[in-house]
C-alpha atoms as a PDB file:
ATOM      1  CA  UNK A   1     107.213  81.721 125.185  1.00  0.00           C
ATOM      2  CA  UNK A   2     104.724  82.113 128.013  1.00  0.00           C
ATOM      3  CA  UNK A   3     102.340  79.435 129.223  1.00  0.00           C
ATOM      4  CA  UNK A   4      98.631  79.702 129.945  1.00  0.00           C
ATOM      5  CA  UNK A   5      96.209  77.260 131.466  1.00  0.00           C
ATOM      6  CA  UNK A   6      92.839  76.953 129.841  1.00  0.00           C
ATOM      7  CA  UNK A   7      89.675  75.111 130.715  1.00  0.00           C
ATOM      8  CA  UNK A   8      87.705  73.892 127.725  1.00  0.00           C
ATOM      9  CA  UNK A   9      84.599  71.737 127.463  1.00  0.00           C
ATOM     10  CA  UNK A  10      85.413  68.104 126.784  1.00  0.00           C
ATOM     11  CA  UNK A  11      83.812  68.103 123.335  1.00  0.00           C
ATOM     12  CA  UNK A  12      85.850  71.144 122.304  1.00  0.00           C
ATOM     13  CA  UNK A  13      89.053  69.464 123.484  1.00  0.00           C
ATOM     14  CA  UNK A  14      88.209  66.313 121.542  1.00  0.00           C
ATOM     15  CA  UNK A  15      87.497  68.248 118.352  1.00  0.00           C
ATOM     16  CA  UNK A  16      90.667  70.291 118.760  1.00  0.00           C
ATOM     17  CA  UNK A  17      92.624  67.076 119.191  1.00  0.00           C
ATOM     18  CA  UNK A  18      91.016  65.465 116.138  1.00  0.00           C
ATOM     19  CA  UNK A  19      91.548  68.500 113.931  1.00  0.00           C
ATOM     20  CA  UNK A  20      95.119  68.947 115.122  1.00  0.00           C
ATOM     21  CA  UNK A  21      95.837  65.307 114.363  1.00  0.00           C
ATOM     22  CA  UNK A  22      94.323  65.622 110.885  1.00  0.00           C
ATOM     23  CA  UNK A  23      96.606  68.626 110.254  1.00  0.00           C
ATOM     24  CA  UNK A  24      99.631  66.782 111.686  1.00  0.00           C
ATOM     25  CA  UNK A  25     100.254  69.424 114.350  1.00  0.00           C
ATOM     26  CA  UNK A  26     100.118  69.306 118.113  1.00  0.00           C
ATOM     27  CA  UNK A  27      96.965  70.350 119.897  1.00  0.00           C
ATOM     28  CA  UNK A  28      98.897  73.284 121.366  1.00  0.00           C
ATOM     29  CA  UNK A  29      99.958  74.417 117.873  1.00  0.00           C
ATOM     30  CA  UNK A  30      96.367  74.052 116.654  1.00  0.00           C
ATOM     31  CA  UNK A  31      95.070  76.235 119.500  1.00  0.00           C
ATOM     32  CA  UNK A  32      97.905  78.737 118.966  1.00  0.00           C
ATOM     33  CA  UNK A  33      96.960  78.962 115.274  1.00  0.00           C
ATOM     34  CA  UNK A  34      93.308  79.495 116.179  1.00  0.00           C
ATOM     35  CA  UNK A  35      94.264  82.397 118.451  1.00  0.00           C
ATOM     36  CA  UNK A  36      96.493  83.878 115.731  1.00  0.00           C
ATOM     37  CA  UNK A  37      93.649  83.636 113.207  1.00  0.00           C
ATOM     38  CA  UNK A  38      91.213  85.285 115.613  1.00  0.00           C
ATOM     39  CA  UNK A  39      93.720  88.064 116.352  1.00  0.00           C
ATOM     40  CA  UNK A  40      94.100  88.657 112.614  1.00  0.00           C
ATOM     41  CA  UNK A  41      90.308  88.807 112.115  1.00  0.00           C
ATOM     42  CA  UNK A  42      89.817  91.208 115.027  1.00  0.00           C
ATOM     43  CA  UNK A  43      92.678  93.426 113.817  1.00  0.00           C
ATOM     44  CA  UNK A  44      91.111  93.574 110.327  1.00  0.00           C
ATOM     45  CA  UNK A  45      87.691  94.323 111.791  1.00  0.00           C
ATOM     46  CA  UNK A  46      89.049  97.151 113.946  1.00  0.00           C
ATOM     47  CA  UNK A  47      90.925  98.554 110.940  1.00  0.00           C
ATOM     48  CA  UNK A  48      87.696  98.508 108.887  1.00  0.00           C
ATOM     49  CA  UNK A  49      85.841 100.295 111.685  1.00  0.00           C
ATOM     50  CA  UNK A  50      88.510 103.009 111.875  1.00  0.00           C
ATOM     51  CA  UNK A  51      88.402 103.427 108.098  1.00  0.00           C
ATOM     52  CA  UNK A  52      84.593 103.727 108.150  1.00  0.00           C
ATOM     53  CA  UNK A  53      84.791 106.347 110.905  1.00  0.00           C
ATOM     54  CA  UNK A  54      87.418 108.321 108.988  1.00  0.00           C
ATOM     55  CA  UNK A  55      85.322 108.087 105.845  1.00  0.00           C
ATOM     56  CA  UNK A  56      82.297 109.506 107.672  1.00  0.00           C
ATOM     57  CA  UNK A  57      84.420 112.396 108.931  1.00  0.00           C
ATOM     58  CA  UNK A  58      85.525 113.417 105.417  1.00  0.00           C
ATOM     59  CA  UNK A  59      82.289 112.566 103.593  1.00  0.00           C
ATOM     60  CA  UNK A  60      80.939 116.149 103.562  1.00  0.00           C
ATOM     61  CA  UNK A  61      84.180 117.579 102.196  1.00  0.00           C
ATOM     62  CA  UNK A  62      84.377 114.813  99.589  1.00  0.00           C
ATOM     63  CA  UNK A  63      80.846 115.574  98.406  1.00  0.00           C
ATOM     64  CA  UNK A  64      81.735 119.271  98.051  1.00  0.00           C
ATOM     65  CA  UNK A  65      84.858 118.439  96.019  1.00  0.00           C
ATOM     66  CA  UNK A  66      82.895 115.989  93.847  1.00  0.00           C
ATOM     67  CA  UNK A  67      80.311 118.697  93.161  1.00  0.00           C
ATOM     68  CA  UNK A  68      83.089 121.079  92.106  1.00  0.00           C
ATOM     69  CA  UNK A  69      84.526 118.485  89.713  1.00  0.00           C
ATOM     70  CA  UNK A  70      81.061 117.777  88.313  1.00  0.00           C
ATOM     71  CA  UNK A  71      80.572 121.486  87.674  1.00  0.00           C
ATOM     72  CA  UNK A  72      83.922 121.659  85.869  1.00  0.00           C
ATOM     73  CA  UNK A  73      83.040 118.630  83.725  1.00  0.00           C
ATOM     74  CA  UNK A  74      79.713 120.172  82.761  1.00  0.00           C
ATOM     75  CA  UNK A  75      81.235 123.591  81.946  1.00  0.00           C
ATOM     76  CA  UNK A  76      84.951 123.309  81.142  1.00  0.00           C
ATOM     77  CA  UNK A  77      85.259 127.115  80.815  1.00  0.00           C
ATOM     78  CA  UNK A  78      84.842 127.585  84.593  1.00  0.00           C
END
């Protein structure tokens, strides 16, 4: 495991220490968990953005296919 040095405002350090203590984990583990949670949130956000972009790319084709299905539903003899 690698080590980093981090400068945090005193109030943030105190809160991190208090919350870590209330969770019965070390302050380092608390900060590590916070980074993991943020990484997870960012990964999910980036995935949602990529999905939205892909959806925009195929939207026109999807609308054309939907129109074809609607036409078939309205006139099953087609």
